[in-house]
Amino acid sequence: PAAIRRAVSKRDQGKCTRCGGTHALEIEHILPFALGGGSTLENLRLACRSCNSFFVIQTFGPEVMRSFRGTS
């Protein structure tokens, strides 16, 4: 919901929680939705696209990230 997205952005001061970047920000689940994480303020954070990709690779492995990118 928009209200949650605004609250996450405000709490994280419009910056990636890992690198502090401000470009290409995405809302990311701390405990991934696929693993049972909810879309709550406590389980969401801002991450730039690069850091979000890093978290996906760390959690699910590079094969999963390649499937999203459409590369082999």
N, C-alpha and C. Protein backbone atom coordinates (compact mmCIF):
# COMPACT_ATOMS: atom_id res chain seq x y z
N PRO A 1 0.82 -1.21 0.00
CA PRO A 1 0.00 0.00 0.00
C PRO A 1 0.86 1.27 0.00
N ALA A 2 0.32 2.31 -0.59
CA ALA A 2 1.06 3.57 -0.72
C ALA A 2 1.49 4.13 0.64
N ALA A 3 0.64 4.01 1.64
CA ALA A 3 0.99 4.55 2.97
C ALA A 3 2.21 3.85 3.55
N ILE A 4 2.32 2.55 3.36
CA ILE A 4 3.48 1.79 3.85
C ILE A 4 4.73 2.20 3.07
N ARG A 5 4.60 2.35 1.75
CA ARG A 5 5.74 2.75 0.92
C ARG A 5 6.27 4.11 1.38
N ARG A 6 5.37 5.04 1.63
CA ARG A 6 5.78 6.37 2.10
C ARG A 6 6.46 6.28 3.46
N ALA A 7 5.93 5.46 4.35
CA ALA A 7 6.50 5.31 5.69
C ALA A 7 7.91 4.70 5.62
N VAL A 8 8.10 3.71 4.75
CA VAL A 8 9.43 3.09 4.58
C VAL A 8 10.41 4.13 4.06
N SER A 9 10.00 4.88 3.05
CA SER A 9 10.87 5.89 2.46
C SER A 9 11.25 6.96 3.49
N LYS A 10 10.27 7.39 4.27
CA LYS A 10 10.54 8.39 5.30
C LYS A 10 11.48 7.84 6.37
N ARG A 11 11.19 6.64 6.87
CA ARG A 11 12.02 6.03 7.91
C ARG A 11 13.47 5.85 7.44
N ASP A 12 13.62 5.40 6.18
CA ASP A 12 14.96 5.13 5.64
C ASP A 12 15.58 6.38 5.00
N GLN A 13 14.93 7.51 5.17
CA GLN A 13 15.42 8.82 4.72
C GLN A 13 15.73 8.87 3.23
N GLY A 14 14.96 8.10 2.44
CA GLY A 14 15.12 8.13 0.98
C GLY A 14 16.45 7.60 0.49
N LYS A 15 17.06 6.71 1.28
CA LYS A 15 18.38 6.17 0.91
C LYS A 15 18.38 4.66 1.04
N CYS A 16 19.22 4.00 0.24
CA CYS A 16 19.44 2.57 0.36
C CYS A 16 20.00 2.28 1.75
N THR A 17 19.42 1.28 2.41
CA THR A 17 19.85 0.96 3.77
C THR A 17 21.22 0.27 3.81
N ARG A 18 21.70 -0.16 2.66
CA ARG A 18 23.01 -0.83 2.63
C ARG A 18 24.12 0.14 2.24
N CYS A 19 23.95 0.83 1.11
CA CYS A 19 25.04 1.66 0.58
C CYS A 19 24.78 3.16 0.71
N GLY A 20 23.56 3.54 1.05
CA GLY A 20 23.24 4.95 1.18
C GLY A 20 22.91 5.65 -0.12
N GLY A 21 22.86 4.87 -1.21
CA GLY A 21 22.55 5.44 -2.51
C GLY A 21 21.12 5.96 -2.59
N THR A 22 20.89 6.85 -3.55
CA THR A 22 19.56 7.45 -3.71
C THR A 22 18.98 7.21 -5.10
N HIS A 23 19.66 6.44 -5.93
CA HIS A 23 19.22 6.19 -7.30
C HIS A 23 18.61 4.80 -7.43
N ALA A 24 17.55 4.69 -8.22
CA ALA A 24 16.89 3.40 -8.52
C ALA A 24 16.50 2.65 -7.25
N LEU A 25 15.84 3.35 -6.32
CA LEU A 25 15.45 2.72 -5.06
C LEU A 25 14.23 1.83 -5.24
N GLU A 26 14.23 0.73 -4.51
CA GLU A 26 13.14 -0.24 -4.53
C GLU A 26 12.79 -0.59 -3.09
N ILE A 27 11.54 -0.96 -2.88
CA ILE A 27 11.14 -1.46 -1.57
C ILE A 27 11.47 -2.95 -1.55
N GLU A 28 12.19 -3.36 -0.52
CA GLU A 28 12.64 -4.75 -0.43
C GLU A 28 12.15 -5.37 0.87
N HIS A 29 11.77 -6.63 0.80
CA HIS A 29 11.42 -7.38 2.01
C HIS A 29 12.70 -7.84 2.70
N ILE A 30 12.79 -7.64 4.00
CA ILE A 30 13.95 -8.11 4.77
C ILE A 30 13.91 -9.64 4.83
N LEU A 31 12.80 -10.19 5.29
CA LEU A 31 12.54 -11.62 5.16
C LEU A 31 11.71 -11.75 3.89
N PRO A 32 12.26 -12.33 2.83
CA PRO A 32 11.56 -12.36 1.55
C PRO A 32 10.13 -12.89 1.64
N PHE A 33 9.28 -12.30 0.83
CA PHE A 33 7.88 -12.71 0.74
C PHE A 33 7.80 -14.20 0.44
N ALA A 34 8.68 -14.68 -0.43
CA ALA A 34 8.69 -16.10 -0.82
C ALA A 34 9.02 -17.02 0.35
N LEU A 35 9.60 -16.46 1.40
CA LEU A 35 9.95 -17.26 2.58
C LEU A 35 9.03 -16.95 3.76
N GLY A 36 7.92 -16.29 3.47
CA GLY A 36 6.93 -16.01 4.50
C GLY A 36 6.96 -14.62 5.09
N GLY A 37 7.81 -13.75 4.57
CA GLY A 37 7.87 -12.37 5.07
C GLY A 37 6.67 -11.57 4.64
N GLY A 38 6.18 -10.75 5.54
CA GLY A 38 5.02 -9.94 5.24
C GLY A 38 5.39 -8.57 4.70
N SER A 39 4.40 -7.88 4.18
CA SER A 39 4.60 -6.52 3.66
C SER A 39 4.25 -5.51 4.75
N THR A 40 4.98 -5.59 5.84
CA THR A 40 4.79 -4.69 6.97
C THR A 40 5.94 -3.71 7.04
N LEU A 41 5.71 -2.61 7.71
CA LEU A 41 6.74 -1.59 7.86
C LEU A 41 8.02 -2.19 8.46
N GLU A 42 7.86 -3.10 9.41
CA GLU A 42 9.02 -3.70 10.07
C GLU A 42 9.81 -4.65 9.17
N ASN A 43 9.18 -5.16 8.12
CA ASN A 43 9.84 -6.13 7.24
C ASN A 43 10.22 -5.55 5.88
N LEU A 44 10.10 -4.26 5.73
CA LEU A 44 10.43 -3.62 4.46
C LEU A 44 11.55 -2.61 4.66
N ARG A 45 12.37 -2.43 3.63
CA ARG A 45 13.43 -1.43 3.66
C ARG A 45 13.67 -0.92 2.25
N LEU A 46 14.32 0.22 2.15
CA LEU A 46 14.72 0.74 0.86
C LEU A 46 16.06 0.13 0.47
N ALA A 47 16.16 -0.25 -0.79
CA ALA A 47 17.42 -0.75 -1.33
C ALA A 47 17.55 -0.28 -2.77
N CYS A 48 18.73 0.12 -3.16
CA CYS A 48 18.94 0.44 -4.57
C CYS A 48 18.88 -0.86 -5.35
N ARG A 49 18.71 -0.76 -6.64
CA ARG A 49 18.58 -1.96 -7.47
C ARG A 49 19.78 -2.89 -7.33
N SER A 50 20.97 -2.31 -7.25
CA SER A 50 22.18 -3.11 -7.13
C SER A 50 22.21 -3.89 -5.81
N CYS A 51 21.91 -3.22 -4.72
CA CYS A 51 21.90 -3.89 -3.42
C CYS A 51 20.76 -4.90 -3.32
N ASN A 52 19.62 -4.58 -3.91
CA ASN A 52 18.50 -5.51 -3.90
C ASN A 52 18.91 -6.80 -4.63
N SER A 53 19.59 -6.66 -5.76
CA SER A 53 20.08 -7.84 -6.49
C SER A 53 21.06 -8.63 -5.64
N PHE A 54 21.93 -7.94 -4.92
CA PHE A 54 22.89 -8.59 -4.03
C PHE A 54 22.15 -9.42 -2.98
N PHE A 55 21.12 -8.84 -2.36
CA PHE A 55 20.36 -9.56 -1.33
C PHE A 55 19.67 -10.79 -1.91
N VAL A 56 19.14 -10.68 -3.13
CA VAL A 56 18.49 -11.83 -3.78
C VAL A 56 19.51 -12.95 -3.99
N ILE A 57 20.69 -12.59 -4.49
CA ILE A 57 21.73 -13.59 -4.74
C ILE A 57 22.17 -14.24 -3.43
N GLN A 58 22.33 -13.44 -2.37
CA GLN A 58 22.73 -13.98 -1.07
C GLN A 58 21.68 -14.94 -0.51
N THR A 59 20.41 -14.63 -0.74
CA THR A 59 19.33 -15.43 -0.17
C THR A 59 18.99 -16.65 -1.00
N PHE A 60 18.87 -16.48 -2.32
CA PHE A 60 18.37 -17.54 -3.17
C PHE A 60 19.40 -18.14 -4.12
N GLY A 61 20.56 -17.51 -4.26
CA GLY A 61 21.59 -18.00 -5.15
C GLY A 61 21.56 -17.31 -6.50
N PRO A 62 22.67 -17.37 -7.22
CA PRO A 62 22.78 -16.67 -8.50
C PRO A 62 21.85 -17.22 -9.58
N GLU A 63 21.47 -18.49 -9.49
CA GLU A 63 20.60 -19.08 -10.51
C GLU A 63 19.25 -18.38 -10.55
N VAL A 64 18.71 -18.07 -9.38
CA VAL A 64 17.42 -17.40 -9.29
C VAL A 64 17.52 -16.00 -9.91
N MET A 65 18.60 -15.28 -9.61
CA MET A 65 18.76 -13.94 -10.17
C MET A 65 18.87 -13.99 -11.69
N ARG A 66 19.58 -14.99 -12.20
CA ARG A 66 19.70 -15.11 -13.66
C ARG A 66 18.35 -15.36 -14.29
N SER A 67 17.48 -16.12 -13.62
CA SER A 67 16.15 -16.39 -14.18
C SER A 67 15.32 -15.11 -14.26
N PHE A 68 15.50 -14.19 -13.32
CA PHE A 68 14.77 -12.92 -13.38
C PHE A 68 15.32 -12.01 -14.46
N ARG A 69 16.61 -12.10 -14.70
CA ARG A 69 17.24 -11.25 -15.71
C ARG A 69 17.10 -11.84 -17.12
N GLY A 70 16.68 -13.10 -17.19
CA GLY A 70 16.54 -13.74 -18.49
C GLY A 70 17.86 -14.11 -19.13
N THR A 71 18.89 -14.32 -18.30
CA THR A 71 20.20 -14.71 -18.82
C THR A 71 20.54 -16.10 -18.33
N SER A 72 21.48 -16.73 -19.00
CA SER A 72 21.90 -18.09 -18.61
C SER A 72 23.18 -18.08 -17.86
